[in-house]
């Protein structure tokens, strides 16, 4: 192999590596958080947030800001009418997420009328 052939080959390999890196980086870049729809309603994400692919089938839209420990998220869920269960099922599910002993939580529910 001649020196010219080696140089062409090395340049070609470097070019392909750069294209592969650029392609990977572009695929990882999230879309800007603009307008999106959930359950027939339209939302506009905050300008500093970016839209990312929801990491669960239960999430209909997911936005994030920051990185790692300083990351914040906005998540939209929609299960349809009674798709997430009734009121008591949701309260029980929420209550079950606490790790403290149940006797220490002092949880209660109250009914009230708005308006």
PDB file of N, CA and C in Angstrom:
ATOM      1  N   UNK A   1       0.854  -1.171   0.000  1.00  0.00           N
ATOM      2  CA  UNK A   1       0.000   0.000   0.000  1.00  0.00           C
ATOM      3  C   UNK A   1       0.903   1.238   0.000  1.00  0.00           C
ATOM      4  N   UNK A   2       0.605   2.179  -0.848  1.00  0.00           N
ATOM      5  CA  UNK A   2       1.419   3.394  -0.942  1.00  0.00           C
ATOM      6  C   UNK A   2       1.040   4.369   0.169  1.00  0.00           C
ATOM      7  N   UNK A   3       1.894   5.341   0.397  1.00  0.00           N
ATOM      8  CA  UNK A   3       1.616   6.363   1.414  1.00  0.00           C
ATOM      9  C   UNK A   3       0.356   7.152   1.082  1.00  0.00           C
ATOM     10  N   UNK A   4       0.158   7.459  -0.179  1.00  0.00           N
ATOM     11  CA  UNK A   4      -1.040   8.200  -0.603  1.00  0.00           C
ATOM     12  C   UNK A   4      -2.294   7.392  -0.312  1.00  0.00           C
ATOM     13  N   UNK A   5      -2.243   6.089  -0.568  1.00  0.00           N
ATOM     14  CA  UNK A   5      -3.390   5.214  -0.306  1.00  0.00           C
ATOM     15  C   UNK A   5      -3.666   5.143   1.191  1.00  0.00           C
ATOM     16  N   UNK A   6      -2.605   5.054   2.001  1.00  0.00           N
ATOM     17  CA  UNK A   6      -2.766   5.016   3.459  1.00  0.00           C
ATOM     18  C   UNK A   6      -3.407   6.306   3.963  1.00  0.00           C
ATOM     19  N   UNK A   7      -2.961   7.447   3.416  1.00  0.00           N
ATOM     20  CA  UNK A   7      -3.519   8.735   3.833  1.00  0.00           C
ATOM     21  C   UNK A   7      -4.998   8.844   3.482  1.00  0.00           C
ATOM     22  N   UNK A   8      -5.356   8.405   2.283  1.00  0.00           N
ATOM     23  CA  UNK A   8      -6.761   8.433   1.865  1.00  0.00           C
ATOM     24  C   UNK A   8      -7.583   7.535   2.779  1.00  0.00           C
ATOM     25  N   UNK A   9      -7.054   6.364   3.073  1.00  0.00           N
ATOM     26  CA  UNK A   9      -7.774   5.417   3.933  1.00  0.00           C
ATOM     27  C   UNK A   9      -7.946   5.994   5.336  1.00  0.00           C
ATOM     28  N   UNK A  10      -6.886   6.562   5.910  1.00  0.00           N
ATOM     29  CA  UNK A  10      -6.964   7.154   7.247  1.00  0.00           C
ATOM     30  C   UNK A  10      -7.942   8.323   7.277  1.00  0.00           C
ATOM     31  N   UNK A  11      -7.915   9.151   6.243  1.00  0.00           N
ATOM     32  CA  UNK A  11      -8.842  10.282   6.160  1.00  0.00           C
ATOM     33  C   UNK A  11     -10.282   9.788   6.063  1.00  0.00           C
ATOM     34  N   UNK A  12     -10.506   8.755   5.280  1.00  0.00           N
ATOM     35  CA  UNK A  12     -11.848   8.183   5.133  1.00  0.00           C
ATOM     36  C   UNK A  12     -12.337   7.616   6.462  1.00  0.00           C
ATOM     37  N   UNK A  13     -11.479   6.892   7.171  1.00  0.00           N
ATOM     38  CA  UNK A  13     -11.849   6.314   8.470  1.00  0.00           C
ATOM     39  C   UNK A  13     -12.175   7.431   9.460  1.00  0.00           C
ATOM     40  N   UNK A  14     -11.346   8.482   9.494  1.00  0.00           N
ATOM     41  CA  UNK A  14     -11.600   9.608  10.395  1.00  0.00           C
ATOM     42  C   UNK A  14     -12.926  10.282  10.061  1.00  0.00           C
ATOM     43  N   UNK A  15     -13.193  10.447   8.774  1.00  0.00           N
ATOM     44  CA  UNK A  15     -14.446  11.071   8.347  1.00  0.00           C
ATOM     45  C   UNK A  15     -15.643  10.248   8.803  1.00  0.00           C
ATOM     46  N   UNK A  16     -15.580   8.931   8.618  1.00  0.00           N
ATOM     47  CA  UNK A  16     -16.680   8.068   9.049  1.00  0.00           C
ATOM     48  C   UNK A  16     -16.857   8.112  10.562  1.00  0.00           C
ATOM     49  N   UNK A  17     -15.758   8.155  11.305  1.00  0.00           N
ATOM     50  CA  UNK A  17     -15.853   8.247  12.766  1.00  0.00           C
ATOM     51  C   UNK A  17     -16.528   9.552  13.180  1.00  0.00           C
ATOM     52  N   UNK A  18     -16.125  10.660  12.540  1.00  0.00           N
ATOM     53  CA  UNK A  18     -16.744  11.948  12.847  1.00  0.00           C
ATOM     54  C   UNK A  18     -18.229  11.955  12.500  1.00  0.00           C
ATOM     55  N   UNK A  19     -18.579  11.374  11.362  1.00  0.00           N
ATOM     56  CA  UNK A  19     -19.994  11.290  10.978  1.00  0.00           C
ATOM     57  C   UNK A  19     -20.779  10.440  11.969  1.00  0.00           C
ATOM     58  N   UNK A  20     -20.184   9.357  12.426  1.00  0.00           N
ATOM     59  CA  UNK A  20     -20.855   8.492  13.401  1.00  0.00           C
ATOM     60  C   UNK A  20     -21.085   9.234  14.710  1.00  0.00           C
ATOM     61  N   UNK A  21     -20.082   9.965  15.173  1.00  0.00           N
ATOM     62  CA  UNK A  21     -20.221  10.739  16.409  1.00  0.00           C
ATOM     63  C   UNK A  21     -21.273  11.830  16.232  1.00  0.00           C
ATOM     64  N   UNK A  22     -21.219  12.561  15.125  1.00  0.00           N
ATOM     65  CA  UNK A  22     -22.191  13.627  14.870  1.00  0.00           C
ATOM     66  C   UNK A  22     -23.606  13.075  14.794  1.00  0.00           C
ATOM     67  N   UNK A  23     -23.766  11.951  14.121  1.00  0.00           N
ATOM     68  CA  UNK A  23     -25.078  11.321  13.999  1.00  0.00           C
ATOM     69  C   UNK A  23     -25.610  10.912  15.365  1.00  0.00           C
ATOM     70  N   UNK A  24     -24.750  10.337  16.186  1.00  0.00           N
ATOM     71  CA  UNK A  24     -25.152   9.926  17.534  1.00  0.00           C
ATOM     72  C   UNK A  24     -25.555  11.132  18.363  1.00  0.00           C
ATOM     73  N   UNK A  25     -24.762  12.184  18.325  1.00  0.00           N
ATOM     74  CA  UNK A  25     -25.084  13.387  19.094  1.00  0.00           C
ATOM     75  C   UNK A  25     -26.400  14.007  18.644  1.00  0.00           C
ATOM     76  N   UNK A  26     -26.630  14.070  17.351  1.00  0.00           N
ATOM     77  CA  UNK A  26     -27.887  14.630  16.852  1.00  0.00           C
ATOM     78  C   UNK A  26     -29.083  13.795  17.271  1.00  0.00           C
ATOM     79  N   UNK A  27     -28.924  12.484  17.291  1.00  0.00           N
ATOM     80  CA  UNK A  27     -30.046  11.628  17.688  1.00  0.00           C
ATOM     81  C   UNK A  27     -30.341  11.750  19.172  1.00  0.00           C
ATOM     82  N   UNK A  28     -29.355  12.153  19.960  1.00  0.00           N
ATOM     83  CA  UNK A  28     -29.557  12.306  21.397  1.00  0.00           C
ATOM     84  C   UNK A  28     -30.093  13.676  21.776  1.00  0.00           C
ATOM     85  N   UNK A  29     -30.009  14.636  20.869  1.00  0.00           N
ATOM     86  CA  UNK A  29     -30.487  15.982  21.161  1.00  0.00           C
ATOM     87  C   UNK A  29     -32.009  15.983  21.219  1.00  0.00           C
ATOM     88  N   UNK A  30     -32.579  16.391  22.348  1.00  0.00           N
ATOM     89  CA  UNK A  30     -34.033  16.432  22.437  1.00  0.00           C
ATOM     90  C   UNK A  30     -34.597  17.619  21.659  1.00  0.00           C
ATOM     91  N   UNK A  31     -35.862  17.495  21.325  1.00  0.00           N
ATOM     92  CA  UNK A  31     -36.543  18.583  20.621  1.00  0.00           C
ATOM     93  C   UNK A  31     -36.822  19.717  21.605  1.00  0.00           C
ATOM     94  N   UNK A  32     -36.914  20.926  21.101  1.00  0.00           N
ATOM     95  CA  UNK A  32     -37.266  22.041  21.969  1.00  0.00           C
ATOM     96  C   UNK A  32     -38.692  21.875  22.449  1.00  0.00           C
ATOM     97  N   UNK A  33     -38.935  22.239  23.700  1.00  0.00           N
ATOM     98  CA  UNK A  33     -40.260  22.080  24.288  1.00  0.00           C
ATOM     99  C   UNK A  33     -41.192  23.153  23.745  1.00  0.00           C
ATOM    100  N   UNK A  34     -41.874  22.842  22.707  1.00  0.00           N
ATOM    101  CA  UNK A  34     -42.829  23.776  22.126  1.00  0.00           C
ATOM    102  C   UNK A  34     -44.232  23.297  22.469  1.00  0.00           C
ATOM    103  N   UNK A  35     -45.088  23.342  21.505  1.00  0.00           N
ATOM    104  CA  UNK A  35     -46.471  22.939  21.692  1.00  0.00           C
ATOM    105  C   UNK A  35     -46.595  21.423  21.594  1.00  0.00           C
ATOM    106  N   UNK A  36     -47.401  20.837  22.490  1.00  0.00           N
ATOM    107  CA  UNK A  36     -47.669  19.408  22.429  1.00  0.00           C
ATOM    108  C   UNK A  36     -49.078  19.155  22.952  1.00  0.00           C
ATOM    109  N   UNK A  37     -49.628  18.001  22.599  1.00  0.00           N
ATOM    110  CA  UNK A  37     -51.005  17.671  22.974  1.00  0.00           C
ATOM    111  C   UNK A  37     -51.036  16.439  23.863  1.00  0.00           C
ATOM    112  N   UNK A  38     -51.916  16.499  24.852  1.00  0.00           N
ATOM    113  CA  UNK A  38     -52.185  15.367  25.733  1.00  0.00           C
ATOM    114  C   UNK A  38     -53.689  15.349  25.954  1.00  0.00           C
ATOM    115  N   UNK A  39     -54.321  14.233  25.659  1.00  0.00           N
ATOM    116  CA  UNK A  39     -55.756  14.051  25.874  1.00  0.00           C
ATOM    117  C   UNK A  39     -56.582  15.140  25.201  1.00  0.00           C
ATOM    118  N   UNK A  40     -56.184  15.538  24.003  1.00  0.00           N
ATOM    119  CA  UNK A  40     -56.941  16.522  23.255  1.00  0.00           C
ATOM    120  C   UNK A  40     -56.718  17.958  23.688  1.00  0.00           C
ATOM    121  N   UNK A  41     -55.890  18.178  24.710  1.00  0.00           N
ATOM    122  CA  UNK A  41     -55.585  19.537  25.156  1.00  0.00           C
ATOM    123  C   UNK A  41     -54.189  19.908  24.670  1.00  0.00           C
ATOM    124  N   UNK A  42     -53.993  21.170  24.345  1.00  0.00           N
ATOM    125  CA  UNK A  42     -52.714  21.658  23.834  1.00  0.00           C
ATOM    126  C   UNK A  42     -51.974  22.413  24.933  1.00  0.00           C
ATOM    127  N   UNK A  43     -50.688  22.111  25.073  1.00  0.00           N
ATOM    128  CA  UNK A  43     -49.839  22.744  26.079  1.00  0.00           C
ATOM    129  C   UNK A  43     -48.619  23.357  25.404  1.00  0.00           C
ATOM    130  N   UNK A  44     -48.056  24.369  26.030  1.00  0.00           N
ATOM    131  CA  UNK A  44     -46.788  24.961  25.601  1.00  0.00           C
ATOM    132  C   UNK A  44     -45.794  24.777  26.735  1.00  0.00           C
ATOM    133  N   UNK A  45     -44.682  24.115  26.434  1.00  0.00           N
ATOM    134  CA  UNK A  45     -43.663  23.894  27.449  1.00  0.00           C
ATOM    135  C   UNK A  45     -42.878  25.157  27.735  1.00  0.00           C
ATOM    136  N   UNK A  46     -42.360  25.288  28.964  1.00  0.00           N
ATOM    137  CA  UNK A  46     -41.510  26.441  29.285  1.00  0.00           C
ATOM    138  C   UNK A  46     -40.301  26.488  28.356  1.00  0.00           C
ATOM    139  N   UNK A  47     -39.863  27.666  27.987  1.00  0.00           N
ATOM    140  CA  UNK A  47     -38.770  27.830  27.020  1.00  0.00           C
ATOM    141  C   UNK A  47     -37.485  27.132  27.452  1.00  0.00           C
ATOM    142  N   UNK A  48     -37.174  27.119  28.761  1.00  0.00           N
ATOM    143  CA  UNK A  48     -35.917  26.531  29.202  1.00  0.00           C
ATOM    144  C   UNK A  48     -35.976  25.003  29.278  1.00  0.00           C
ATOM    145  N   UNK A  49     -37.157  24.416  29.129  1.00  0.00           N
ATOM    146  CA  UNK A  49     -37.302  22.965  29.147  1.00  0.00           C
ATOM    147  C   UNK A  49     -37.177  22.405  27.737  1.00  0.00           C
ATOM    148  N   UNK A  50     -36.776  21.154  27.645  1.00  0.00           N
ATOM    149  CA  UNK A  50     -36.728  20.465  26.360  1.00  0.00           C
ATOM    150  C   UNK A  50     -37.645  19.254  26.432  1.00  0.00           C
ATOM    151  N   UNK A  51     -38.242  18.935  25.310  1.00  0.00           N
ATOM    152  CA  UNK A  51     -39.115  17.776  25.206  1.00  0.00           C
ATOM    153  C   UNK A  51     -38.252  16.539  24.995  1.00  0.00           C
ATOM    154  N   UNK A  52     -38.524  15.487  25.770  1.00  0.00           N
ATOM    155  CA  UNK A  52     -37.789  14.232  25.624  1.00  0.00           C
ATOM    156  C   UNK A  52     -38.791  13.100  25.429  1.00  0.00           C
ATOM    157  N   UNK A  53     -38.322  11.994  24.901  1.00  0.00           N
ATOM    158  CA  UNK A  53     -39.191  10.838  24.697  1.00  0.00           C
ATOM    159  C   UNK A  53     -39.617  10.301  26.063  1.00  0.00           C
ATOM    160  N   UNK A  54     -40.921  10.141  26.289  1.00  0.00           N
ATOM    161  CA  UNK A  54     -41.375   9.597  27.569  1.00  0.00           C
ATOM    162  C   UNK A  54     -40.732   8.240  27.845  1.00  0.00           C
ATOM    163  N   UNK A  55     -40.278   8.043  29.097  1.00  0.00           N
ATOM    164  CA  UNK A  55     -39.590   6.802  29.430  1.00  0.00           C
ATOM    165  C   UNK A  55     -40.525   5.745  30.007  1.00  0.00           C
ATOM    166  N   UNK A  56     -41.831   5.921  29.806  1.00  0.00           N
ATOM    167  CA  UNK A  56     -42.818   4.947  30.252  1.00  0.00           C
ATOM    168  C   UNK A  56     -44.039   5.067  29.344  1.00  0.00           C
ATOM    169  N   UNK A  57     -44.706   3.960  29.100  1.00  0.00           N
ATOM    170  CA  UNK A  57     -45.902   3.997  28.256  1.00  0.00           C
ATOM    171  C   UNK A  57     -47.029   4.777  28.925  1.00  0.00           C
ATOM    172  N   UNK A  58     -46.953   4.968  30.242  1.00  0.00           N
ATOM    173  CA  UNK A  58     -47.996   5.702  30.951  1.00  0.00           C
ATOM    174  C   UNK A  58     -47.830   7.215  30.801  1.00  0.00           C
ATOM    175  N   UNK A  59     -46.636   7.645  30.425  1.00  0.00           N
ATOM    176  CA  UNK A  59     -46.372   9.076  30.268  1.00  0.00           C
ATOM    177  C   UNK A  59     -46.727   9.503  28.845  1.00  0.00           C
ATOM    178  N   UNK A  60     -47.521  10.551  28.729  1.00  0.00           N
ATOM    179  CA  UNK A  60     -47.939  11.030  27.412  1.00  0.00           C
ATOM    180  C   UNK A  60     -47.032  12.131  26.890  1.00  0.00           C
ATOM    181  N   UNK A  61     -46.376  12.861  27.782  1.00  0.00           N
ATOM    182  CA  UNK A  61     -45.399  13.885  27.403  1.00  0.00           C
ATOM    183  C   UNK A  61     -44.430  14.040  28.561  1.00  0.00           C
ATOM    184  N   UNK A  62     -43.194  14.371  28.241  1.00  0.00           N
ATOM    185  CA  UNK A  62     -42.171  14.512  29.271  1.00  0.00           C
ATOM    186  C   UNK A  62     -41.210  15.624  28.860  1.00  0.00           C
ATOM    187  N   UNK A  63     -40.981  16.557  29.770  1.00  0.00           N
ATOM    188  CA  UNK A  63     -40.072  17.677  29.539  1.00  0.00           C
ATOM    189  C   UNK A  63     -39.005  17.655  30.619  1.00  0.00           C
ATOM    190  N   UNK A  64     -37.817  18.164  30.306  1.00  0.00           N
ATOM    191  CA  UNK A  64     -36.782  18.225  31.333  1.00  0.00           C
ATOM    192  C   UNK A  64     -35.961  19.491  31.197  1.00  0.00           C
ATOM    193  N   UNK A  65     -35.297  19.825  32.302  1.00  0.00           N
ATOM    194  CA  UNK A  65     -34.380  20.954  32.352  1.00  0.00           C
ATOM    195  C   UNK A  65     -33.219  20.538  33.244  1.00  0.00           C
ATOM    196  N   UNK A  66     -32.023  21.017  32.958  1.00  0.00           N
ATOM    197  CA  UNK A  66     -30.865  20.683  33.780  1.00  0.00           C
ATOM    198  C   UNK A  66     -30.287  19.323  33.435  1.00  0.00           C
ATOM    199  N   UNK A  67     -29.292  18.923  34.233  1.00  0.00           N
ATOM    200  CA  UNK A  67     -28.586  17.671  33.991  1.00  0.00           C
ATOM    201  C   UNK A  67     -28.366  16.951  35.316  1.00  0.00           C
ATOM    202  N   UNK A  68     -28.497  15.646  35.304  1.00  0.00           N
ATOM    203  CA  UNK A  68     -28.203  14.764  36.439  1.00  0.00           C
ATOM    204  C   UNK A  68     -28.847  15.239  37.737  1.00  0.00           C
ATOM    205  N   UNK A  69     -28.032  15.516  38.763  1.00  0.00           N
ATOM    206  CA  UNK A  69     -28.561  15.862  40.083  1.00  0.00           C
ATOM    207  C   UNK A  69     -29.360  17.164  40.068  1.00  0.00           C
ATOM    208  N   UNK A  70     -29.078  18.033  39.119  1.00  0.00           N
ATOM    209  CA  UNK A  70     -29.782  19.313  39.029  1.00  0.00           C
ATOM    210  C   UNK A  70     -30.935  19.262  38.029  1.00  0.00           C
ATOM    211  N   UNK A  71     -31.343  18.054  37.635  1.00  0.00           N
ATOM    212  CA  UNK A  71     -32.378  17.899  36.619  1.00  0.00           C
ATOM    213  C   UNK A  71     -33.770  18.058  37.222  1.00  0.00           C
ATOM    214  N   UNK A  72     -34.637  18.711  36.476  1.00  0.00           N
ATOM    215  CA  UNK A  72     -36.036  18.818  36.841  1.00  0.00           C
ATOM    216  C   UNK A  72     -36.885  18.277  35.704  1.00  0.00           C
ATOM    217  N   UNK A  73     -38.071  17.764  36.023  1.00  0.00           N
ATOM    218  CA  UNK A  73     -38.940  17.187  35.003  1.00  0.00           C
ATOM    219  C   UNK A  73     -40.364  17.685  35.158  1.00  0.00           C
ATOM    220  N   UNK A  74     -41.054  17.734  34.046  1.00  0.00           N
ATOM    221  CA  UNK A  74     -42.501  17.909  34.018  1.00  0.00           C
ATOM    222  C   UNK A  74     -43.027  16.701  33.253  1.00  0.00           C
ATOM    223  N   UNK A  75     -43.957  15.985  33.854  1.00  0.00           N
ATOM    224  CA  UNK A  75     -44.476  14.767  33.235  1.00  0.00           C
ATOM    225  C   UNK A  75     -45.997  14.872  33.132  1.00  0.00           C
ATOM    226  N   UNK A  76     -46.540  14.506  31.982  1.00  0.00           N
ATOM    227  CA  UNK A  76     -47.981  14.503  31.749  1.00  0.00           C
ATOM    228  C   UNK A  76     -48.453  13.062  31.607  1.00  0.00           C
ATOM    229  N   UNK A  77     -49.439  12.706  32.410  1.00  0.00           N
ATOM    230  CA  UNK A  77     -50.058  11.388  32.339  1.00  0.00           C
ATOM    231  C   UNK A  77     -51.497  11.564  31.876  1.00  0.00           C
ATOM    232  N   UNK A  78     -52.014  10.577  31.174  1.00  0.00           N
ATOM    233  CA  UNK A  78     -53.439  10.546  30.859  1.00  0.00           C
ATOM    234  C   UNK A  78     -53.841   9.091  30.688  1.00  0.00           C
ATOM    235  N   UNK A  79     -54.785   8.658  31.511  1.00  0.00           N
ATOM    236  CA  UNK A  79     -55.221   7.263  31.473  1.00  0.00           C
ATOM    237  C   UNK A  79     -56.624   7.118  30.911  1.00  0.00           C
ATOM    238  N   UNK A  80     -57.251   8.219  30.536  1.00  0.00           N
ATOM    239  CA  UNK A  80     -58.618   8.161  30.049  1.00  0.00           C
ATOM    240  C   UNK A  80     -59.587   8.138  31.217  1.00  0.00           C
ATOM    241  N   UNK A  81     -60.884   8.164  30.921  1.00  0.00           N
ATOM    242  CA  UNK A  81     -61.887   8.142  31.988  1.00  0.00           C
ATOM    243  C   UNK A  81     -61.741   6.884  32.848  1.00  0.00           C
ATOM    244  N   UNK A  82     -61.516   7.085  34.116  1.00  0.00           N
ATOM    245  CA  UNK A  82     -61.347   5.998  35.096  1.00  0.00           C
ATOM    246  C   UNK A  82     -60.204   5.046  34.747  1.00  0.00           C
ATOM    247  N   UNK A  83     -59.339   5.436  33.815  1.00  0.00           N
ATOM    248  CA  UNK A  83     -58.219   4.586  33.416  1.00  0.00           C
ATOM    249  C   UNK A  83     -57.180   4.410  34.504  1.00  0.00           C
ATOM    250  N   UNK A  84     -57.101   5.348  35.422  1.00  0.00           N
ATOM    251  CA  UNK A  84     -56.162   5.248  36.541  1.00  0.00           C
ATOM    252  C   UNK A  84     -56.847   4.767  37.801  1.00  0.00           C
ATOM    253  N   UNK A  85     -58.081   4.313  37.669  1.00  0.00           N
ATOM    254  CA  UNK A  85     -58.842   3.880  38.837  1.00  0.00           C
ATOM    255  C   UNK A  85     -59.671   5.029  39.382  1.00  0.00           C
ATOM    256  N   UNK A  86     -60.489   4.711  40.346  1.00  0.00           N
ATOM    257  CA  UNK A  86     -61.319   5.729  40.975  1.00  0.00           C
ATOM    258  C   UNK A  86     -60.523   6.550  41.977  1.00  0.00           C
ATOM    259  N   UNK A  87     -61.213   7.441  42.660  1.00  0.00           N
ATOM    260  CA  UNK A  87     -60.573   8.325  43.624  1.00  0.00           C
ATOM    261  C   UNK A  87     -59.850   7.542  44.718  1.00  0.00           C
ATOM    262  N   UNK A  88     -60.515   6.567  45.321  1.00  0.00           N
ATOM    263  CA  UNK A  88     -59.900   5.821  46.419  1.00  0.00           C
ATOM    264  C   UNK A  88     -58.698   5.010  45.940  1.00  0.00           C
ATOM    265  N   UNK A  89     -58.779   4.452  44.745  1.00  0.00           N
ATOM    266  CA  UNK A  89     -57.638   3.700  44.197  1.00  0.00           C
ATOM    267  C   UNK A  89     -56.425   4.610  44.039  1.00  0.00           C
ATOM    268  N   UNK A  90     -56.649   5.843  43.598  1.00  0.00           N
ATOM    269  CA  UNK A  90     -55.546   6.793  43.461  1.00  0.00           C
ATOM    270  C   UNK A  90     -54.980   7.202  44.817  1.00  0.00           C
ATOM    271  N   UNK A  91     -55.848   7.426  45.789  1.00  0.00           N
ATOM    272  CA  UNK A  91     -55.381   7.764  47.142  1.00  0.00           C
ATOM    273  C   UNK A  91     -54.559   6.613  47.711  1.00  0.00           C
ATOM    274  N   UNK A  92     -55.062   5.390  47.567  1.00  0.00           N
ATOM    275  CA  UNK A  92     -54.341   4.219  48.083  1.00  0.00           C
ATOM    276  C   UNK A  92     -52.985   4.056  47.401  1.00  0.00           C
ATOM    277  N   UNK A  93     -52.941   4.283  46.103  1.00  0.00           N
ATOM    278  CA  UNK A  93     -51.678   4.161  45.366  1.00  0.00           C
ATOM    279  C   UNK A  93     -50.685   5.229  45.836  1.00  0.00           C
ATOM    280  N   UNK A  94     -51.154   6.451  45.995  1.00  0.00           N
ATOM    281  CA  UNK A  94     -50.307   7.540  46.474  1.00  0.00           C
ATOM    282  C   UNK A  94     -49.801   7.238  47.884  1.00  0.00           C
ATOM    283  N   UNK A  95     -50.703   6.824  48.749  1.00  0.00           N
ATOM    284  CA  UNK A  95     -50.353   6.514  50.140  1.00  0.00           C
ATOM    285  C   UNK A  95     -49.331   5.376  50.209  1.00  0.00           C
ATOM    286  N   UNK A  96     -49.455   4.407  49.330  1.00  0.00           N
ATOM    287  CA  UNK A  96     -48.547   3.262  49.311  1.00  0.00           C
ATOM    288  C   UNK A  96     -47.126   3.609  48.888  1.00  0.00           C
ATOM    289  N   UNK A  97     -46.920   4.803  48.342  1.00  0.00           N
ATOM    290  CA  UNK A  97     -45.577   5.200  47.905  1.00  0.00           C
ATOM    291  C   UNK A  97     -44.702   5.700  49.051  1.00  0.00           C
ATOM    292  N   UNK A  98     -45.294   6.000  50.195  1.00  0.00           N
ATOM    293  CA  UNK A  98     -44.508   6.459  51.336  1.00  0.00           C
ATOM    294  C   UNK A  98     -43.794   5.280  51.977  1.00  0.00           C
ATOM    295  N   UNK A  99     -42.550   5.504  52.387  1.00  0.00           N
ATOM    296  CA  UNK A  99     -41.756   4.421  52.981  1.00  0.00           C
ATOM    297  C   UNK A  99     -41.777   4.455  54.503  1.00  0.00           C
ATOM    298  N   UNK A 100     -42.244   5.557  55.072  1.00  0.00           N
ATOM    299  CA  UNK A 100     -42.312   5.650  56.528  1.00  0.00           C
ATOM    300  C   UNK A 100     -43.346   4.655  57.060  1.00  0.00           C
ATOM    301  N   UNK A 101     -43.213   4.256  58.331  1.00  0.00           N
ATOM    302  CA  UNK A 101     -44.247   3.393  58.924  1.00  0.00           C
ATOM    303  C   UNK A 101     -45.602   4.101  58.859  1.00  0.00           C
ATOM    304  N   UNK A 102     -46.627   3.376  58.491  1.00  0.00           N
ATOM    305  CA  UNK A 102     -47.957   3.972  58.278  1.00  0.00           C
ATOM    306  C   UNK A 102     -48.466   4.689  59.528  1.00  0.00           C
ATOM    307  N   UNK A 103     -48.110   4.189  60.714  1.00  0.00           N
ATOM    308  CA  UNK A 103     -48.576   4.818  61.957  1.00  0.00           C
ATOM    309  C   UNK A 103     -47.971   6.210  62.157  1.00  0.00           C
ATOM    310  N   UNK A 104     -46.837   6.484  61.501  1.00  0.00           N
ATOM    311  CA  UNK A 104     -46.161   7.776  61.647  1.00  0.00           C
ATOM    312  C   UNK A 104     -46.631   8.823  60.639  1.00  0.00           C
ATOM    313  N   UNK A 105     -47.403   8.429  59.663  1.00  0.00           N
ATOM    314  CA  UNK A 105     -47.784   9.358  58.597  1.00  0.00           C
ATOM    315  C   UNK A 105     -48.967  10.239  58.993  1.00  0.00           C
ATOM    316  N   UNK A 106     -49.905   9.713  59.742  1.00  0.00           N
ATOM    317  CA  UNK A 106     -51.081  10.465  60.172  1.00  0.00           C
ATOM    318  C   UNK A 106     -51.878  10.989  58.976  1.00  0.00           C
ATOM    319  N   UNK A 107     -52.132  10.108  58.012  1.00  0.00           N
ATOM    320  CA  UNK A 107     -52.855  10.492  56.793  1.00  0.00           C
ATOM    321  C   UNK A 107     -54.356  10.513  57.042  1.00  0.00           C
ATOM    322  N   UNK A 108     -55.048  11.403  56.338  1.00  0.00           N
ATOM    323  CA  UNK A 108     -56.506  11.454  56.404  1.00  0.00           C
ATOM    324  C   UNK A 108     -57.028  12.003  55.089  1.00  0.00           C
ATOM    325  N   UNK A 109     -58.254  11.692  54.785  1.00  0.00           N
ATOM    326  CA  UNK A 109     -58.909  12.253  53.605  1.00  0.00           C
ATOM    327  C   UNK A 109     -60.127  13.040  54.076  1.00  0.00           C
ATOM    328  N   UNK A 110     -60.451  14.084  53.340  1.00  0.00           N
ATOM    329  CA  UNK A 110     -61.613  14.910  53.644  1.00  0.00           C
ATOM    330  C   UNK A 110     -62.358  15.209  52.357  1.00  0.00           C
ATOM    331  N   UNK A 111     -63.647  15.340  52.452  1.00  0.00           N
ATOM    332  CA  UNK A 111     -64.449  15.749  51.307  1.00  0.00           C
ATOM    333  C   UNK A 111     -64.778  17.222  51.467  1.00  0.00           C
ATOM    334  N   UNK A 112     -64.727  17.945  50.343  1.00  0.00           N
ATOM    335  CA  UNK A 112     -65.110  19.355  50.358  1.00  0.00           C
ATOM    336  C   UNK A 112     -65.751  19.690  49.018  1.00  0.00           C
ATOM    337  N   UNK A 113     -66.458  20.783  49.001  1.00  0.00           N
ATOM    338  CA  UNK A 113     -67.116  21.212  47.777  1.00  0.00           C
ATOM    339  C   UNK A 113     -66.472  22.510  47.310  1.00  0.00           C
ATOM    340  N   UNK A 114     -66.025  22.514  46.061  1.00  0.00           N
ATOM    341  CA  UNK A 114     -65.404  23.715  45.504  1.00  0.00           C
ATOM    342  C   UNK A 114     -66.486  24.651  44.982  1.00  0.00           C
ATOM    343  N   UNK A 115     -66.228  25.955  45.118  1.00  0.00           N
ATOM    344  CA  UNK A 115     -67.127  26.944  44.539  1.00  0.00           C
ATOM    345  C   UNK A 115     -68.165  27.344  45.437  1.00  0.00           C
TER     346      UNK A 115
END
